Amino acid sequence: MSSSTSSPLSRLWQRWKTLRLPWRKHQLAGTDLAGNKYWFFRPTLNARPRRIMENNPRIPYSDIKIPPQWHQWLRYTRPDPPSLPELQYDVQRLENLKVLARAADERWAARPSVLDKPRRGNQELAIGDGEMRGTVGQKGETGEGRGVDSVERQEAVESKQREGREKGKEDPWKIRQGKAGEDWKPEAWSPRRVGR
């Protein structure tokens, strides 16, 4: 409930409620943008003033959201109640933050991921197709003019791939076909002298 949309009579009434008069038990601290009212009162003369919120009756109870500034004031972490311009600035800041976060997400979605497979044109590259040492897109990737080093490297990569496939075919339970302690034999025990 903004002060610019309220009538002059209601603004005058709110001003009157916020005055700290000695005979008044409840004093209005302020309102938030949703129309919730925040009060403070002193139950006894020596007690610390209590701070409470009176929700807007037009808003369902499940949809009530207390702004962080008013929550801080209710919990005594903030001495003064927040003003309406401060609350409006915070709402604008949150909207700007959402726009910036959306733009950052779009930038990250547009960048190629390191986890994606590298591509050359429309073909996916396999391991050893020039991606090992940053040779993708360099001269000689079609096989013309390759030196002895590149051929040896290619053979080494292919042999590692074959070994990896053969390891995957081994039976993992082959090692543990007998009972767990079948070949265990106790060693002879002889006490050692402890040096002090």
C-alpha atoms as a PDB file:
ATOM      1  CA  MET A   1       0.000   0.000   0.000  1.00  0.00           C
ATOM      2  CA  SER A   2       1.922   2.949  -1.292  1.00  0.00           C
ATOM      3  CA  SER A   3       1.556   6.388   0.216  1.00  0.00           C
ATOM      4  CA  SER A   4       1.025   7.907  -3.246  1.00  0.00           C
ATOM      5  CA  THR A   5      -2.130   5.808  -3.906  1.00  0.00           C
ATOM      6  CA  SER A   6      -3.742   6.382  -0.508  1.00  0.00           C
ATOM      7  CA  SER A   7      -6.085   9.283   0.123  1.00  0.00           C
ATOM      8  CA  PRO A   8      -5.003  12.352   2.130  1.00  0.00           C
ATOM      9  CA  LEU A   9      -7.383  11.372   4.933  1.00  0.00           C
ATOM     10  CA  SER A  10      -5.857   7.889   5.318  1.00  0.00           C
ATOM     11  CA  ARG A  11      -2.347   9.367   5.227  1.00  0.00           C
ATOM     12  CA  LEU A  12      -3.347  11.770   7.981  1.00  0.00           C
ATOM     13  CA  TRP A  13      -4.815   8.883   9.992  1.00  0.00           C
ATOM     14  CA  GLN A  14      -1.581   6.862   9.610  1.00  0.00           C
ATOM     15  CA  ARG A  15       0.453   9.890  10.623  1.00  0.00           C
ATOM     16  CA  TRP A  16      -1.691  10.237  13.748  1.00  0.00           C
ATOM     17  CA  LYS A  17      -1.231   6.530  14.591  1.00  0.00           C
ATOM     18  CA  THR A  18       2.551   6.798  14.290  1.00  0.00           C
ATOM     19  CA  LEU A  19       2.843   9.616  16.833  1.00  0.00           C
ATOM     20  CA  ARG A  20       4.455   8.456  20.053  1.00  0.00           C
ATOM     21  CA  LEU A  21       2.128   9.749  22.710  1.00  0.00           C
ATOM     22  CA  PRO A  22       2.578   8.691  26.356  1.00  0.00           C
ATOM     23  CA  TRP A  23      -1.020   7.491  26.847  1.00  0.00           C
ATOM     24  CA  ARG A  24      -1.064   5.365  23.691  1.00  0.00           C
ATOM     25  CA  LYS A  25      -0.401   1.634  24.134  1.00  0.00           C
ATOM     26  CA  HIS A  26      -0.180   0.608  20.454  1.00  0.00           C
ATOM     27  CA  GLN A  27       1.821   2.697  18.004  1.00  0.00           C
ATOM     28  CA  LEU A  28       1.953   2.149  14.268  1.00  0.00           C
ATOM     29  CA  ALA A  29       5.504   1.571  13.016  1.00  0.00           C
ATOM     30  CA  GLY A  30       4.583   1.511   9.329  1.00  0.00           C
ATOM     31  CA  THR A  31       3.194  -0.524   6.448  1.00  0.00           C
ATOM     32  CA  ASP A  32       4.742  -2.569   3.682  1.00  0.00           C
ATOM     33  CA  LEU A  33       3.905  -2.582  -0.036  1.00  0.00           C
ATOM     34  CA  ALA A  34       1.311  -5.368   0.397  1.00  0.00           C
ATOM     35  CA  GLY A  35      -0.687  -3.377   2.975  1.00  0.00           C
ATOM     36  CA  ASN A  36       0.428  -5.266   6.102  1.00  0.00           C
ATOM     37  CA  LYS A  37       0.666  -3.040   9.203  1.00  0.00           C
ATOM     38  CA  TYR A  38       3.444  -3.261  11.772  1.00  0.00           C
ATOM     39  CA  TRP A  39       2.832  -2.177  15.349  1.00  0.00           C
ATOM     40  CA  PHE A  40       4.805  -1.982  18.537  1.00  0.00           C
ATOM     41  CA  PHE A  41       3.474  -1.738  22.070  1.00  0.00           C
ATOM     42  CA  ARG A  42       4.692  -1.952  25.648  1.00  0.00           C
ATOM     43  CA  PRO A  43       2.864  -4.637  27.704  1.00  0.00           C
ATOM     44  CA  THR A  44       4.138  -3.078  30.953  1.00  0.00           C
ATOM     45  CA  LEU A  45       6.067   0.068  31.726  1.00  0.00           C
ATOM     46  CA  ASN A  46       9.403  -1.653  32.346  1.00  0.00           C
ATOM     47  CA  ALA A  47       9.168  -4.258  29.572  1.00  0.00           C
ATOM     48  CA  ARG A  48      10.788  -4.053  26.179  1.00  0.00           C
ATOM     49  CA  PRO A  49       8.294  -3.004  23.465  1.00  0.00           C
ATOM     50  CA  ARG A  50       6.799  -5.895  21.518  1.00  0.00           C
ATOM     51  CA  ARG A  51       6.676  -5.771  17.746  1.00  0.00           C
ATOM     52  CA  ILE A  52       3.818  -7.391  15.869  1.00  0.00           C
ATOM     53  CA  MET A  53       2.391  -7.565  12.354  1.00  0.00           C
ATOM     54  CA  GLU A  54      -1.256  -7.168  11.401  1.00  0.00           C
ATOM     55  CA  ASN A  55      -1.783  -8.737   7.996  1.00  0.00           C
ATOM     56  CA  ASN A  56      -3.883  -7.245   5.225  1.00  0.00           C
ATOM     57  CA  PRO A  57      -7.343  -8.867   5.455  1.00  0.00           C
ATOM     58  CA  ARG A  58      -7.692  -8.916   1.643  1.00  0.00           C
ATOM     59  CA  ILE A  59      -4.691 -11.218   1.218  1.00  0.00           C
ATOM     60  CA  PRO A  60      -5.113 -14.952   2.022  1.00  0.00           C
ATOM     61  CA  TYR A  61      -3.008 -16.056   4.974  1.00  0.00           C
ATOM     62  CA  SER A  62      -1.019 -18.552   2.865  1.00  0.00           C
ATOM     63  CA  ASP A  63       0.054 -15.821   0.399  1.00  0.00           C
ATOM     64  CA  ILE A  64       1.448 -13.378   2.962  1.00  0.00           C
ATOM     65  CA  LYS A  65       5.125 -12.599   2.412  1.00  0.00           C
ATOM     66  CA  ILE A  66       6.982 -10.448   4.901  1.00  0.00           C
ATOM     67  CA  PRO A  67       9.755  -8.337   3.328  1.00  0.00           C
ATOM     68  CA  PRO A  68      13.237  -8.999   4.776  1.00  0.00           C
ATOM     69  CA  GLN A  69      13.545  -5.445   6.116  1.00  0.00           C
ATOM     70  CA  TRP A  70      10.343  -5.777   8.153  1.00  0.00           C
ATOM     71  CA  HIS A  71      11.369  -9.249   9.282  1.00  0.00           C
ATOM     72  CA  GLN A  72      14.611  -7.791  10.602  1.00  0.00           C
ATOM     73  CA  TRP A  73      12.655  -5.106  12.438  1.00  0.00           C
ATOM     74  CA  LEU A  74      10.293  -7.686  13.971  1.00  0.00           C
ATOM     75  CA  ARG A  75      13.263  -9.759  15.231  1.00  0.00           C
ATOM     76  CA  TYR A  76      15.041  -6.737  16.766  1.00  0.00           C
ATOM     77  CA  THR A  77      18.032  -6.983  14.423  1.00  0.00           C
ATOM     78  CA  ARG A  78      17.110  -3.609  12.988  1.00  0.00           C
ATOM     79  CA  PRO A  79      16.367  -0.678  15.333  1.00  0.00           C
ATOM     80  CA  ASP A  80      14.346   1.524  12.957  1.00  0.00           C
ATOM     81  CA  PRO A  81      11.436   0.419  10.762  1.00  0.00           C
ATOM     82  CA  PRO A  82      12.067   0.514   6.999  1.00  0.00           C
ATOM     83  CA  SER A  83      10.573   3.263   4.845  1.00  0.00           C
ATOM     84  CA  LEU A  84       8.402   2.787   1.751  1.00  0.00           C
ATOM     85  CA  PRO A  85      11.087   4.117  -0.657  1.00  0.00           C
ATOM     86  CA  GLU A  86      13.526   1.576   0.779  1.00  0.00           C
ATOM     87  CA  LEU A  87      11.039  -1.247   0.173  1.00  0.00           C
ATOM     88  CA  GLN A  88      10.329  -0.019  -3.387  1.00  0.00           C
ATOM     89  CA  TYR A  89      14.068   0.139  -4.113  1.00  0.00           C
ATOM     90  CA  ASP A  90      14.496  -3.433  -2.877  1.00  0.00           C
ATOM     91  CA  VAL A  91      11.684  -4.691  -5.144  1.00  0.00           C
ATOM     92  CA  GLN A  92      13.315  -2.936  -8.120  1.00  0.00           C
ATOM     93  CA  ARG A  93      16.711  -4.384  -7.174  1.00  0.00           C
ATOM     94  CA  LEU A  94      15.263  -7.907  -7.103  1.00  0.00           C
ATOM     95  CA  GLU A  95      13.666  -7.420 -10.546  1.00  0.00           C
ATOM     96  CA  ASN A  96      17.003  -6.219 -11.962  1.00  0.00           C
ATOM     97  CA  LEU A  97      18.740  -9.194 -10.375  1.00  0.00           C
ATOM     98  CA  LYS A  98      16.288 -11.603 -12.051  1.00  0.00           C
ATOM     99  CA  VAL A  99      16.939  -9.995 -15.445  1.00  0.00           C
ATOM    100  CA  LEU A 100      20.706 -10.256 -14.955  1.00  0.00           C
ATOM    101  CA  ALA A 101      20.440 -13.886 -13.813  1.00  0.00           C
ATOM    102  CA  ARG A 102      18.311 -14.765 -16.856  1.00  0.00           C
ATOM    103  CA  ALA A 103      20.895 -13.120 -19.157  1.00  0.00           C
ATOM    104  CA  ALA A 104      23.727 -15.020 -17.440  1.00  0.00           C
ATOM    105  CA  ASP A 105      21.849 -18.314 -17.831  1.00  0.00           C
ATOM    106  CA  GLU A 106      21.341 -17.617 -21.547  1.00  0.00           C
ATOM    107  CA  ARG A 107      25.061 -16.845 -21.969  1.00  0.00           C
ATOM    108  CA  TRP A 108      26.021 -20.089 -20.212  1.00  0.00           C
ATOM    109  CA  ALA A 109      23.544 -22.082 -22.309  1.00  0.00           C
ATOM    110  CA  ALA A 110      25.012 -20.596 -25.518  1.00  0.00           C
ATOM    111  CA  ARG A 111      28.602 -21.567 -24.654  1.00  0.00           C
ATOM    112  CA  PRO A 112      29.744 -25.046 -25.672  1.00  0.00           C
ATOM    113  CA  SER A 113      30.247 -27.332 -22.716  1.00  0.00           C
ATOM    114  CA  VAL A 114      33.571 -28.989 -22.005  1.00  0.00           C
ATOM    115  CA  LEU A 115      31.683 -32.223 -21.398  1.00  0.00           C
ATOM    116  CA  ASP A 116      30.185 -32.281 -24.909  1.00  0.00           C
ATOM    117  CA  LYS A 117      31.956 -34.330 -27.557  1.00  0.00           C
ATOM    118  CA  PRO A 118      34.128 -32.205 -29.837  1.00  0.00           C
ATOM    119  CA  ARG A 119      32.855 -31.883 -33.413  1.00  0.00           C
ATOM    120  CA  ARG A 120      34.486 -31.233 -36.759  1.00  0.00           C
ATOM    121  CA  GLY A 121      31.804 -30.049 -39.130  1.00  0.00           C
ATOM    122  CA  ASN A 122      28.963 -32.562 -38.782  1.00  0.00           C
ATOM    123  CA  GLN A 123      31.194 -35.459 -37.656  1.00  0.00           C
ATOM    124  CA  GLU A 124      31.871 -36.335 -34.049  1.00  0.00           C
ATOM    125  CA  LEU A 125      35.527 -36.802 -33.217  1.00  0.00           C
ATOM    126  CA  ALA A 126      36.702 -40.015 -31.622  1.00  0.00           C
ATOM    127  CA  ILE A 127      39.615 -40.301 -29.205  1.00  0.00           C
ATOM    128  CA  GLY A 128      42.844 -39.878 -31.118  1.00  0.00           C
ATOM    129  CA  ASP A 129      41.379 -37.919 -34.062  1.00  0.00           C
ATOM    130  CA  GLY A 130      43.664 -35.011 -33.333  1.00  0.00           C
ATOM    131  CA  GLU A 131      42.129 -33.875 -30.062  1.00  0.00           C
ATOM    132  CA  MET A 132      44.947 -35.076 -27.781  1.00  0.00           C
ATOM    133  CA  ARG A 133      47.359 -32.180 -28.089  1.00  0.00           C
ATOM    134  CA  GLY A 134      45.144 -29.497 -29.529  1.00  0.00           C
ATOM    135  CA  THR A 135      45.694 -30.540 -33.148  1.00  0.00           C
ATOM    136  CA  VAL A 136      42.014 -30.387 -34.144  1.00  0.00           C
ATOM    137  CA  GLY A 137      41.674 -28.203 -37.218  1.00  0.00           C
ATOM    138  CA  GLN A 138      45.406 -28.106 -37.923  1.00  0.00           C
ATOM    139  CA  LYS A 139      47.121 -29.076 -41.143  1.00  0.00           C
ATOM    140  CA  GLY A 140      47.614 -32.780 -41.692  1.00  0.00           C
ATOM    141  CA  GLU A 141      44.547 -34.087 -39.844  1.00  0.00           C
ATOM    142  CA  THR A 142      43.347 -35.995 -42.917  1.00  0.00           C
ATOM    143  CA  GLY A 143      46.442 -38.184 -42.901  1.00  0.00           C
ATOM    144  CA  GLU A 144      48.488 -36.286 -45.489  1.00  0.00           C
ATOM    145  CA  GLY A 145      51.992 -35.436 -44.393  1.00  0.00           C
ATOM    146  CA  ARG A 146      51.717 -37.118 -41.003  1.00  0.00           C
ATOM    147  CA  GLY A 147      55.027 -37.728 -39.355  1.00  0.00           C
ATOM    148  CA  VAL A 148      56.243 -40.815 -37.533  1.00  0.00           C
ATOM    149  CA  ASP A 149      55.289 -39.291 -34.168  1.00  0.00           C
ATOM    150  CA  SER A 150      51.642 -38.888 -35.100  1.00  0.00           C
ATOM    151  CA  VAL A 151      51.417 -42.479 -36.423  1.00  0.00           C
ATOM    152  CA  GLU A 152      53.036 -43.852 -33.241  1.00  0.00           C
ATOM    153  CA  ARG A 153      50.697 -41.742 -31.157  1.00  0.00           C
ATOM    154  CA  GLN A 154      47.706 -43.083 -33.093  1.00  0.00           C
ATOM    155  CA  GLU A 155      48.888 -46.680 -32.561  1.00  0.00           C
ATOM    156  CA  ALA A 156      49.407 -46.051 -28.839  1.00  0.00           C
ATOM    157  CA  VAL A 157      45.886 -44.664 -28.484  1.00  0.00           C
ATOM    158  CA  GLU A 158      44.401 -47.635 -30.358  1.00  0.00           C
ATOM    159  CA  SER A 159      46.310 -50.144 -28.184  1.00  0.00           C
ATOM    160  CA  LYS A 160      45.072 -48.387 -25.011  1.00  0.00           C
ATOM    161  CA  GLN A 161      41.532 -48.609 -26.335  1.00  0.00           C
ATOM    162  CA  ARG A 162      41.947 -52.341 -27.010  1.00  0.00           C
ATOM    163  CA  GLU A 163      43.359 -52.921 -23.507  1.00  0.00           C
ATOM    164  CA  GLY A 164      40.423 -51.026 -21.994  1.00  0.00           C
ATOM    165  CA  ARG A 165      37.958 -53.193 -23.921  1.00  0.00           C
ATOM    166  CA  GLU A 166      39.747 -56.404 -22.855  1.00  0.00           C
ATOM    167  CA  LYS A 167      39.732 -55.337 -19.199  1.00  0.00           C
ATOM    168  CA  GLY A 168      36.000 -54.732 -19.413  1.00  0.00           C
ATOM    169  CA  LYS A 169      35.451 -58.308 -20.661  1.00  0.00           C
ATOM    170  CA  GLU A 170      37.249 -59.976 -17.727  1.00  0.00           C
ATOM    171  CA  ASP A 171      35.081 -61.669 -15.133  1.00  0.00           C
ATOM    172  CA  PRO A 172      35.270 -59.613 -11.917  1.00  0.00           C
ATOM    173  CA  TRP A 173      34.235 -62.673  -9.843  1.00  0.00           C
ATOM    174  CA  LYS A 174      36.998 -64.849 -11.269  1.00  0.00           C
ATOM    175  CA  ILE A 175      39.422 -63.688  -8.613  1.00  0.00           C
ATOM    176  CA  ARG A 176      37.168 -64.680  -5.698  1.00  0.00           C
ATOM    177  CA  GLN A 177      36.015 -68.138  -6.711  1.00  0.00           C
ATOM    178  CA  GLY A 178      37.339 -69.948  -3.632  1.00  0.00           C
ATOM    179  CA  LYS A 179      36.504 -69.331  -0.008  1.00  0.00           C
ATOM    180  CA  ALA A 180      37.850 -66.153   1.518  1.00  0.00           C
ATOM    181  CA  GLY A 181      40.498 -67.661   3.789  1.00  0.00           C
ATOM    182  CA  GLU A 182      41.452 -70.793   1.862  1.00  0.00           C
ATOM    183  CA  ASP A 183      45.119 -70.037   1.283  1.00  0.00           C
ATOM    184  CA  TRP A 184      45.810 -68.136   4.503  1.00  0.00           C
ATOM    185  CA  LYS A 185      48.433 -69.560   6.863  1.00  0.00           C
ATOM    186  CA  PRO A 186      49.370 -68.112  10.224  1.00  0.00           C
ATOM    187  CA  GLU A 187      52.908 -66.866  10.691  1.00  0.00           C
ATOM    188  CA  ALA A 188      55.068 -67.796  13.648  1.00  0.00           C
ATOM    189  CA  TRP A 189      54.888 -65.236  16.410  1.00  0.00           C
ATOM    190  CA  SER A 190      57.908 -64.171  18.359  1.00  0.00           C
ATOM    191  CA  PRO A 191      57.769 -61.274  20.808  1.00  0.00           C
ATOM    192  CA  ARG A 192      60.142 -58.406  20.161  1.00  0.00           C
ATOM    193  CA  ARG A 193      62.008 -56.531  22.775  1.00  0.00           C
ATOM    194  CA  VAL A 194      60.776 -52.986  23.232  1.00  0.00           C
ATOM    195  CA  GLY A 195      63.560 -50.416  23.404  1.00  0.00           C
ATOM    196  CA  ARG A 196      63.026 -47.675  25.936  1.00  0.00           C
END
